[in-house]
Each structure stands twice: as C-alpha cells, then as structure tokens.
C-alpha cells in the first residue's frame, strides 16, 4: 500500500474576530473568519479552503478521467459555490460545481454522453469529495 503524507503548520489567536496563518508546501496564507460571519475577513478561511480543495480535486480528477477515456480537450474551467447554513451549528449545506470543458472539436452525441459519464465518474473518484461524503455520513 502506498501512503502520501501532506503537512500543514498553522497558528491562531482569538475567537470569531481572531486571525492566524497556515503554511503548506504550496500555500502560505493568513486566515480568519469571513466578514459575513463576524470575522476579520483577512486572507482566506476554512470555507474557501474547502471549496478550493473540492474544486481543484474535481478538475484534476476530471482531466485524468478525460485522458483515460481518450477525450481530447483544451482546458477545464470551473466556478464552485458552497452554501453554509446555520442550523444546529454551522455546516455546508451544498457545494455546486459549474464546469466548462473546452473541446478541440464540436462533440457528437456519443462524445457528449461520454463526457457526461466522465464528469460523473470524476465526482465519484475525487478523493476530497469522497472524504467529505464519508465525513457527512458518520
């Protein structure tokens, strides 16, 4: 079995109006609670980091899936929106990806169906989405 280890260092001071820092191999950012939640709105926040992880994982997984299916494409663009609800505590109610796949040619009906199947499979295969689904089912 292969293991991959990812590390983060962080610090925090305060409460809702506090601030901190996080640092990984590829990211260094101040963090705080979003202004909409009575925070400072400095840097990024856990909500943005979660949808960033979900969106980037989905795009990468979709690119891998399209290659496996021999579907030629130029690039993938995504807009992701996460909705947090305050009911019995704060929680993500939903995350919606709006994806555009730029193809090298106009797709036939069968190619369009193949692309849709690849998009659905990428959502199932994305490790971050799997982790979130598993956490929500516990």
N, C-alpha and C. Protein backbone atom coordinates (compact mmCIF):
# COMPACT_ATOMS: atom_id res chain seq x y z
N UNK A 1 0.85 -1.18 0.00
CA UNK A 1 0.00 0.00 0.00
C UNK A 1 0.89 1.25 0.00
N UNK A 2 0.55 2.19 -0.81
CA UNK A 2 1.29 3.44 -0.90
C UNK A 2 0.62 4.49 -0.03
N UNK A 3 1.42 5.25 0.69
CA UNK A 3 0.91 6.34 1.52
C UNK A 3 1.51 7.67 1.03
N UNK A 4 0.69 8.68 1.01
CA UNK A 4 1.13 10.04 0.69
C UNK A 4 0.82 10.90 1.90
N UNK A 5 1.79 11.67 2.33
CA UNK A 5 1.62 12.47 3.54
C UNK A 5 1.67 13.95 3.16
N UNK A 6 0.71 14.70 3.64
CA UNK A 6 0.64 16.14 3.41
C UNK A 6 0.63 16.81 4.77
N UNK A 7 1.39 17.89 4.89
CA UNK A 7 1.52 18.54 6.19
C UNK A 7 1.15 20.01 6.10
N UNK A 8 0.64 20.51 7.19
CA UNK A 8 0.29 21.92 7.33
C UNK A 8 0.76 22.38 8.69
N UNK A 9 1.31 23.57 8.74
CA UNK A 9 1.64 24.23 10.00
C UNK A 9 0.72 25.42 10.12
N UNK A 10 0.24 25.67 11.31
CA UNK A 10 -0.66 26.78 11.50
C UNK A 10 -0.58 27.38 12.88
N UNK A 11 -1.13 28.58 12.98
CA UNK A 11 -1.25 29.24 14.28
C UNK A 11 -2.53 30.06 14.26
N UNK A 12 -3.10 30.28 15.45
CA UNK A 12 -4.36 31.02 15.59
C UNK A 12 -4.35 31.75 16.92
N UNK A 13 -4.92 32.96 16.91
CA UNK A 13 -5.09 33.70 18.16
C UNK A 13 -6.43 34.42 18.08
N UNK A 14 -7.26 34.24 19.09
CA UNK A 14 -8.52 34.95 19.18
C UNK A 14 -9.72 34.04 19.06
N UNK A 15 -10.84 34.65 18.82
CA UNK A 15 -12.12 33.95 18.68
C UNK A 15 -12.66 34.22 17.28
N UNK A 16 -13.94 34.59 17.16
CA UNK A 16 -14.53 34.91 15.86
C UNK A 16 -13.78 36.04 15.17
N UNK A 17 -13.25 36.96 15.98
CA UNK A 17 -12.53 38.11 15.42
C UNK A 17 -11.02 37.89 15.43
N UNK A 18 -10.59 36.65 15.56
CA UNK A 18 -9.17 36.34 15.60
C UNK A 18 -8.55 36.23 14.22
N UNK A 19 -7.25 35.92 14.23
CA UNK A 19 -6.56 35.72 12.97
C UNK A 19 -5.42 34.73 13.17
N UNK A 20 -4.97 34.19 12.06
CA UNK A 20 -3.90 33.20 12.12
C UNK A 20 -3.19 33.09 10.79
N UNK A 21 -2.40 32.06 10.68
CA UNK A 21 -1.60 31.77 9.49
C UNK A 21 -1.62 30.27 9.25
N UNK A 22 -1.60 29.88 7.99
CA UNK A 22 -1.39 28.49 7.62
C UNK A 22 -0.30 28.44 6.57
N UNK A 23 0.45 27.32 6.56
CA UNK A 23 1.50 27.15 5.58
C UNK A 23 1.63 25.67 5.23
N UNK A 24 1.60 25.40 3.93
CA UNK A 24 1.85 24.07 3.41
C UNK A 24 3.00 24.18 2.43
N UNK A 25 3.33 23.10 1.77
CA UNK A 25 4.39 23.13 0.77
C UNK A 25 4.08 24.12 -0.35
N UNK A 26 2.80 24.25 -0.73
CA UNK A 26 2.46 25.11 -1.85
C UNK A 26 1.58 26.29 -1.52
N UNK A 27 1.35 26.56 -0.24
CA UNK A 27 0.42 27.63 0.14
C UNK A 27 0.86 28.26 1.45
N UNK A 28 0.82 29.57 1.48
CA UNK A 28 1.06 30.30 2.71
C UNK A 28 0.03 31.43 2.74
N UNK A 29 -0.79 31.47 3.79
CA UNK A 29 -1.86 32.46 3.80
C UNK A 29 -2.26 32.85 5.22
N UNK A 30 -2.61 34.11 5.38
CA UNK A 30 -3.29 34.48 6.62
C UNK A 30 -4.68 33.87 6.58
N UNK A 31 -5.25 33.61 7.73
CA UNK A 31 -6.61 33.08 7.84
C UNK A 31 -7.39 33.84 8.89
N UNK A 32 -8.69 33.89 8.66
CA UNK A 32 -9.60 34.46 9.65
C UNK A 32 -11.01 33.99 9.30
N UNK A 33 -11.93 34.31 10.15
CA UNK A 33 -13.34 34.04 9.86
C UNK A 33 -13.81 35.07 8.85
N UNK A 34 -14.64 34.66 7.90
CA UNK A 34 -15.16 35.57 6.88
C UNK A 34 -15.95 36.71 7.53
N UNK A 35 -15.91 37.89 6.90
CA UNK A 35 -16.66 39.06 7.41
C UNK A 35 -18.15 38.77 7.56
N UNK A 36 -18.70 37.96 6.63
CA UNK A 36 -20.13 37.66 6.69
C UNK A 36 -20.50 36.90 7.96
N UNK A 37 -19.49 36.32 8.63
CA UNK A 37 -19.71 35.56 9.86
C UNK A 37 -19.13 36.29 11.07
N UNK A 38 -19.00 37.62 10.97
CA UNK A 38 -18.50 38.48 12.03
C UNK A 38 -17.00 38.33 12.29
N UNK A 39 -16.26 37.88 11.28
CA UNK A 39 -14.82 37.77 11.40
C UNK A 39 -14.12 38.95 10.77
N UNK A 40 -12.79 38.88 10.77
CA UNK A 40 -11.98 39.96 10.21
C UNK A 40 -11.94 39.95 8.68
N UNK A 41 -12.17 38.79 8.07
CA UNK A 41 -12.12 38.72 6.61
C UNK A 41 -10.73 38.92 6.05
N UNK A 42 -9.72 38.51 6.79
CA UNK A 42 -8.32 38.66 6.35
C UNK A 42 -7.86 37.33 5.76
N UNK A 43 -7.24 37.39 4.59
CA UNK A 43 -6.73 36.16 3.97
C UNK A 43 -7.86 35.26 3.53
N UNK A 44 -7.67 33.99 3.73
CA UNK A 44 -8.70 33.02 3.37
C UNK A 44 -9.33 32.46 4.63
N UNK A 45 -10.25 31.53 4.44
CA UNK A 45 -10.96 30.95 5.59
C UNK A 45 -11.24 29.49 5.29
N UNK A 46 -11.66 28.72 6.29
CA UNK A 46 -11.90 27.30 6.07
C UNK A 46 -12.94 27.01 4.98
N UNK A 47 -13.93 27.87 4.85
CA UNK A 47 -14.97 27.66 3.85
C UNK A 47 -14.38 27.75 2.44
N UNK A 48 -13.59 28.79 2.20
CA UNK A 48 -12.94 28.94 0.89
C UNK A 48 -11.93 27.83 0.65
N UNK A 49 -11.22 27.42 1.69
CA UNK A 49 -10.25 26.35 1.53
C UNK A 49 -10.94 25.03 1.18
N UNK A 50 -12.10 24.76 1.79
CA UNK A 50 -12.81 23.52 1.47
C UNK A 50 -13.31 23.52 0.03
N UNK A 51 -13.94 24.61 -0.41
CA UNK A 51 -14.42 24.60 -1.80
C UNK A 51 -13.24 24.64 -2.78
N UNK A 52 -12.12 25.25 -2.37
CA UNK A 52 -10.92 25.22 -3.22
C UNK A 52 -10.40 23.79 -3.37
N UNK A 53 -10.38 23.05 -2.27
CA UNK A 53 -9.93 21.66 -2.31
C UNK A 53 -10.87 20.82 -3.16
N UNK A 54 -12.17 21.00 -2.98
CA UNK A 54 -13.14 20.24 -3.77
C UNK A 54 -13.04 20.57 -5.26
N UNK A 55 -12.96 21.85 -5.59
CA UNK A 55 -12.92 22.25 -7.00
C UNK A 55 -11.62 21.81 -7.67
N UNK A 56 -10.49 22.03 -7.01
CA UNK A 56 -9.22 21.65 -7.64
C UNK A 56 -9.11 20.14 -7.78
N UNK A 57 -9.56 19.40 -6.79
CA UNK A 57 -9.54 17.94 -6.87
C UNK A 57 -10.44 17.47 -8.02
N UNK A 58 -11.62 18.06 -8.13
CA UNK A 58 -12.55 17.66 -9.19
C UNK A 58 -11.94 17.95 -10.57
N UNK A 59 -11.38 19.15 -10.77
CA UNK A 59 -10.80 19.48 -12.07
C UNK A 59 -9.66 18.53 -12.44
N UNK A 60 -8.78 18.27 -11.49
CA UNK A 60 -7.65 17.36 -11.75
C UNK A 60 -8.16 15.97 -12.06
N UNK A 61 -9.11 15.48 -11.26
CA UNK A 61 -9.66 14.14 -11.46
C UNK A 61 -10.38 14.05 -12.80
N UNK A 62 -11.10 15.10 -13.16
CA UNK A 62 -11.78 15.12 -14.46
C UNK A 62 -10.77 15.10 -15.60
N UNK A 63 -9.70 15.86 -15.50
CA UNK A 63 -8.66 15.84 -16.52
C UNK A 63 -8.05 14.46 -16.68
N UNK A 64 -7.81 13.79 -15.56
CA UNK A 64 -7.28 12.42 -15.59
C UNK A 64 -8.28 11.48 -16.24
N UNK A 65 -9.56 11.62 -15.88
CA UNK A 65 -10.62 10.77 -16.43
C UNK A 65 -10.76 10.99 -17.94
N UNK A 66 -10.73 12.25 -18.39
CA UNK A 66 -10.85 12.52 -19.82
C UNK A 66 -9.69 11.89 -20.59
N UNK A 67 -8.49 11.96 -20.04
CA UNK A 67 -7.34 11.33 -20.69
C UNK A 67 -7.53 9.82 -20.76
N UNK A 68 -7.99 9.20 -19.66
CA UNK A 68 -8.23 7.74 -19.65
C UNK A 68 -9.25 7.34 -20.70
N UNK A 69 -10.22 8.22 -20.94
CA UNK A 69 -11.27 7.94 -21.92
C UNK A 69 -10.88 8.40 -23.32
N UNK A 70 -9.65 8.86 -23.50
CA UNK A 70 -9.14 9.36 -24.79
C UNK A 70 -10.01 10.48 -25.36
N UNK A 71 -10.44 11.38 -24.48
CA UNK A 71 -11.23 12.54 -24.90
C UNK A 71 -10.30 13.74 -24.93
N UNK A 72 -10.06 14.26 -26.13
CA UNK A 72 -9.18 15.40 -26.29
C UNK A 72 -9.91 16.67 -25.86
N UNK A 73 -9.24 17.48 -25.06
CA UNK A 73 -9.81 18.76 -24.62
C UNK A 73 -8.70 19.79 -24.49
N UNK A 74 -9.10 21.06 -24.57
CA UNK A 74 -8.12 22.14 -24.44
C UNK A 74 -7.89 22.50 -22.99
N UNK A 75 -8.98 22.77 -22.25
CA UNK A 75 -8.86 23.08 -20.83
C UNK A 75 -10.22 22.95 -20.15
N UNK A 76 -10.17 22.98 -18.85
CA UNK A 76 -11.37 22.88 -18.00
C UNK A 76 -11.43 24.15 -17.17
N UNK A 77 -12.60 24.75 -17.09
CA UNK A 77 -12.82 25.88 -16.18
C UNK A 77 -13.94 25.52 -15.23
N UNK A 78 -13.88 26.08 -14.04
CA UNK A 78 -14.88 25.74 -13.02
C UNK A 78 -15.24 26.97 -12.21
N UNK A 79 -16.50 27.07 -11.85
CA UNK A 79 -16.98 28.01 -10.84
C UNK A 79 -17.64 27.14 -9.78
N UNK A 80 -17.23 27.29 -8.55
CA UNK A 80 -17.76 26.48 -7.46
C UNK A 80 -18.36 27.39 -6.41
N UNK A 81 -19.52 27.01 -5.93
CA UNK A 81 -20.21 27.77 -4.88
C UNK A 81 -20.57 26.82 -3.74
N UNK A 82 -20.17 27.19 -2.55
CA UNK A 82 -20.52 26.43 -1.36
C UNK A 82 -21.49 27.24 -0.51
N UNK A 83 -22.53 26.60 -0.04
CA UNK A 83 -23.53 27.26 0.81
C UNK A 83 -23.41 26.72 2.22
N UNK A 84 -23.14 27.61 3.16
CA UNK A 84 -23.05 27.25 4.58
C UNK A 84 -24.35 27.68 5.25
N UNK A 85 -24.92 26.79 6.03
CA UNK A 85 -26.17 27.05 6.72
C UNK A 85 -25.93 27.04 8.23
N UNK A 86 -26.61 27.95 8.91
CA UNK A 86 -26.52 27.98 10.37
C UNK A 86 -27.82 27.39 10.91
N UNK A 87 -27.84 26.09 11.07
CA UNK A 87 -28.97 25.36 11.62
C UNK A 87 -28.38 24.22 12.42
N UNK A 88 -28.58 24.23 13.72
CA UNK A 88 -27.91 23.28 14.62
C UNK A 88 -26.40 23.38 14.46
N UNK A 89 -25.89 24.59 14.38
CA UNK A 89 -24.47 24.85 14.17
C UNK A 89 -24.20 25.08 12.69
N UNK A 90 -23.05 25.63 12.40
CA UNK A 90 -22.68 25.90 11.01
C UNK A 90 -22.30 24.60 10.30
N UNK A 91 -22.77 24.45 9.06
CA UNK A 91 -22.37 23.30 8.25
C UNK A 91 -22.59 23.62 6.77
N UNK A 92 -21.84 22.94 5.92
CA UNK A 92 -22.04 23.09 4.49
C UNK A 92 -23.33 22.37 4.11
N UNK A 93 -24.23 23.11 3.51
CA UNK A 93 -25.47 22.54 3.02
C UNK A 93 -25.27 21.90 1.65
N UNK A 94 -24.52 22.61 0.79
CA UNK A 94 -24.26 22.07 -0.55
C UNK A 94 -23.05 22.76 -1.16
N UNK A 95 -22.48 22.06 -2.12
CA UNK A 95 -21.40 22.59 -2.94
C UNK A 95 -21.77 22.25 -4.38
N UNK A 96 -21.77 23.26 -5.24
CA UNK A 96 -22.15 23.08 -6.63
C UNK A 96 -21.00 23.52 -7.53
N UNK A 97 -20.59 22.60 -8.42
CA UNK A 97 -19.58 22.91 -9.43
C UNK A 97 -20.29 23.22 -10.74
N UNK A 98 -19.92 24.30 -11.38
CA UNK A 98 -20.34 24.59 -12.75
C UNK A 98 -19.08 24.48 -13.60
N UNK A 99 -19.05 23.46 -14.44
CA UNK A 99 -17.84 23.11 -15.18
C UNK A 99 -18.04 23.36 -16.67
N UNK A 100 -17.02 23.91 -17.30
CA UNK A 100 -17.00 24.06 -18.75
C UNK A 100 -15.75 23.33 -19.25
N UNK A 101 -15.95 22.41 -20.18
CA UNK A 101 -14.84 21.68 -20.79
C UNK A 101 -14.71 22.20 -22.22
N UNK A 102 -13.58 22.80 -22.52
CA UNK A 102 -13.34 23.32 -23.85
C UNK A 102 -12.73 22.21 -24.69
N UNK A 103 -13.44 21.82 -25.73
CA UNK A 103 -13.03 20.72 -26.59
C UNK A 103 -12.28 21.23 -27.81
N UNK A 104 -11.56 20.33 -28.43
CA UNK A 104 -10.84 20.68 -29.65
C UNK A 104 -11.74 20.62 -30.87
N UNK A 105 -12.92 20.01 -30.74
CA UNK A 105 -13.87 19.90 -31.85
C UNK A 105 -15.29 19.86 -31.31
N UNK A 106 -16.25 20.10 -32.17
CA UNK A 106 -17.66 20.02 -31.80
C UNK A 106 -17.99 18.56 -31.46
N UNK A 107 -18.59 18.29 -30.30
CA UNK A 107 -18.82 16.88 -29.92
C UNK A 107 -20.04 16.27 -30.62
N UNK A 108 -19.91 15.02 -30.96
CA UNK A 108 -21.06 14.25 -31.44
C UNK A 108 -21.92 13.91 -30.23
N UNK A 109 -23.09 13.37 -30.46
CA UNK A 109 -23.97 12.97 -29.35
C UNK A 109 -23.29 11.90 -28.48
N UNK A 110 -22.64 10.95 -29.11
CA UNK A 110 -21.99 9.89 -28.33
C UNK A 110 -20.80 10.44 -27.53
N UNK A 111 -20.06 11.40 -28.11
CA UNK A 111 -18.95 12.02 -27.37
C UNK A 111 -19.49 12.84 -26.20
N UNK A 112 -20.57 13.56 -26.41
CA UNK A 112 -21.18 14.34 -25.32
C UNK A 112 -21.60 13.43 -24.18
N UNK A 113 -22.17 12.28 -24.49
CA UNK A 113 -22.57 11.31 -23.45
C UNK A 113 -21.36 10.75 -22.73
N UNK A 114 -20.29 10.50 -23.48
CA UNK A 114 -19.04 10.00 -22.89
C UNK A 114 -18.44 11.05 -21.93
N UNK A 115 -18.52 12.31 -22.32
CA UNK A 115 -18.01 13.39 -21.48
C UNK A 115 -18.84 13.50 -20.20
N UNK A 116 -20.16 13.42 -20.32
CA UNK A 116 -21.02 13.48 -19.13
C UNK A 116 -20.74 12.32 -18.19
N UNK A 117 -20.53 11.14 -18.74
CA UNK A 117 -20.20 9.98 -17.91
C UNK A 117 -18.86 10.20 -17.21
N UNK A 118 -17.88 10.76 -17.92
CA UNK A 118 -16.58 11.05 -17.32
C UNK A 118 -16.71 12.08 -16.20
N UNK A 119 -17.56 13.09 -16.41
CA UNK A 119 -17.77 14.12 -15.38
C UNK A 119 -18.39 13.52 -14.12
N UNK A 120 -19.38 12.63 -14.30
CA UNK A 120 -20.00 11.97 -13.13
C UNK A 120 -18.99 11.06 -12.42
N UNK A 121 -18.19 10.34 -13.20
CA UNK A 121 -17.20 9.45 -12.60
C UNK A 121 -16.13 10.23 -11.85
N UNK A 122 -15.74 11.37 -12.38
CA UNK A 122 -14.73 12.20 -11.71
C UNK A 122 -15.22 12.64 -10.34
N UNK A 123 -16.51 12.96 -10.23
CA UNK A 123 -17.06 13.34 -8.92
C UNK A 123 -16.99 12.17 -7.94
N UNK A 124 -17.22 10.96 -8.43
CA UNK A 124 -17.14 9.77 -7.57
C UNK A 124 -15.70 9.47 -7.17
N UNK A 125 -14.75 9.75 -8.09
CA UNK A 125 -13.35 9.39 -7.86
C UNK A 125 -12.55 10.43 -7.09
N UNK A 126 -12.99 11.68 -7.05
CA UNK A 126 -12.25 12.74 -6.38
C UNK A 126 -12.06 12.40 -4.90
N UNK A 127 -10.82 12.32 -4.46
CA UNK A 127 -10.55 11.89 -3.08
C UNK A 127 -11.07 12.88 -2.04
N UNK A 128 -11.08 14.16 -2.36
CA UNK A 128 -11.58 15.14 -1.40
C UNK A 128 -13.09 15.01 -1.27
N UNK A 129 -13.80 14.85 -2.40
CA UNK A 129 -15.25 14.65 -2.35
C UNK A 129 -15.59 13.37 -1.58
N UNK A 130 -14.79 12.33 -1.78
CA UNK A 130 -15.01 11.07 -1.04
C UNK A 130 -14.86 11.30 0.46
N UNK A 131 -13.84 12.07 0.83
CA UNK A 131 -13.61 12.35 2.26
C UNK A 131 -14.76 13.14 2.86
N UNK A 132 -15.27 14.11 2.11
CA UNK A 132 -16.39 14.93 2.60
C UNK A 132 -17.65 14.08 2.73
N UNK A 133 -17.91 13.24 1.70
CA UNK A 133 -19.09 12.35 1.77
C UNK A 133 -19.00 11.42 2.96
N UNK A 134 -17.81 10.86 3.18
CA UNK A 134 -17.61 9.93 4.31
C UNK A 134 -17.82 10.65 5.64
N UNK A 135 -17.28 11.86 5.76
CA UNK A 135 -17.43 12.63 7.00
C UNK A 135 -18.91 12.97 7.25
N UNK A 136 -19.65 13.25 6.17
CA UNK A 136 -21.06 13.61 6.34
C UNK A 136 -21.92 12.41 6.69
N UNK A 137 -21.45 11.20 6.36
CA UNK A 137 -22.26 10.02 6.65
C UNK A 137 -21.98 9.47 8.04
N UNK A 138 -20.94 9.96 8.72
CA UNK A 138 -20.60 9.48 10.06
C UNK A 138 -21.58 9.99 11.10
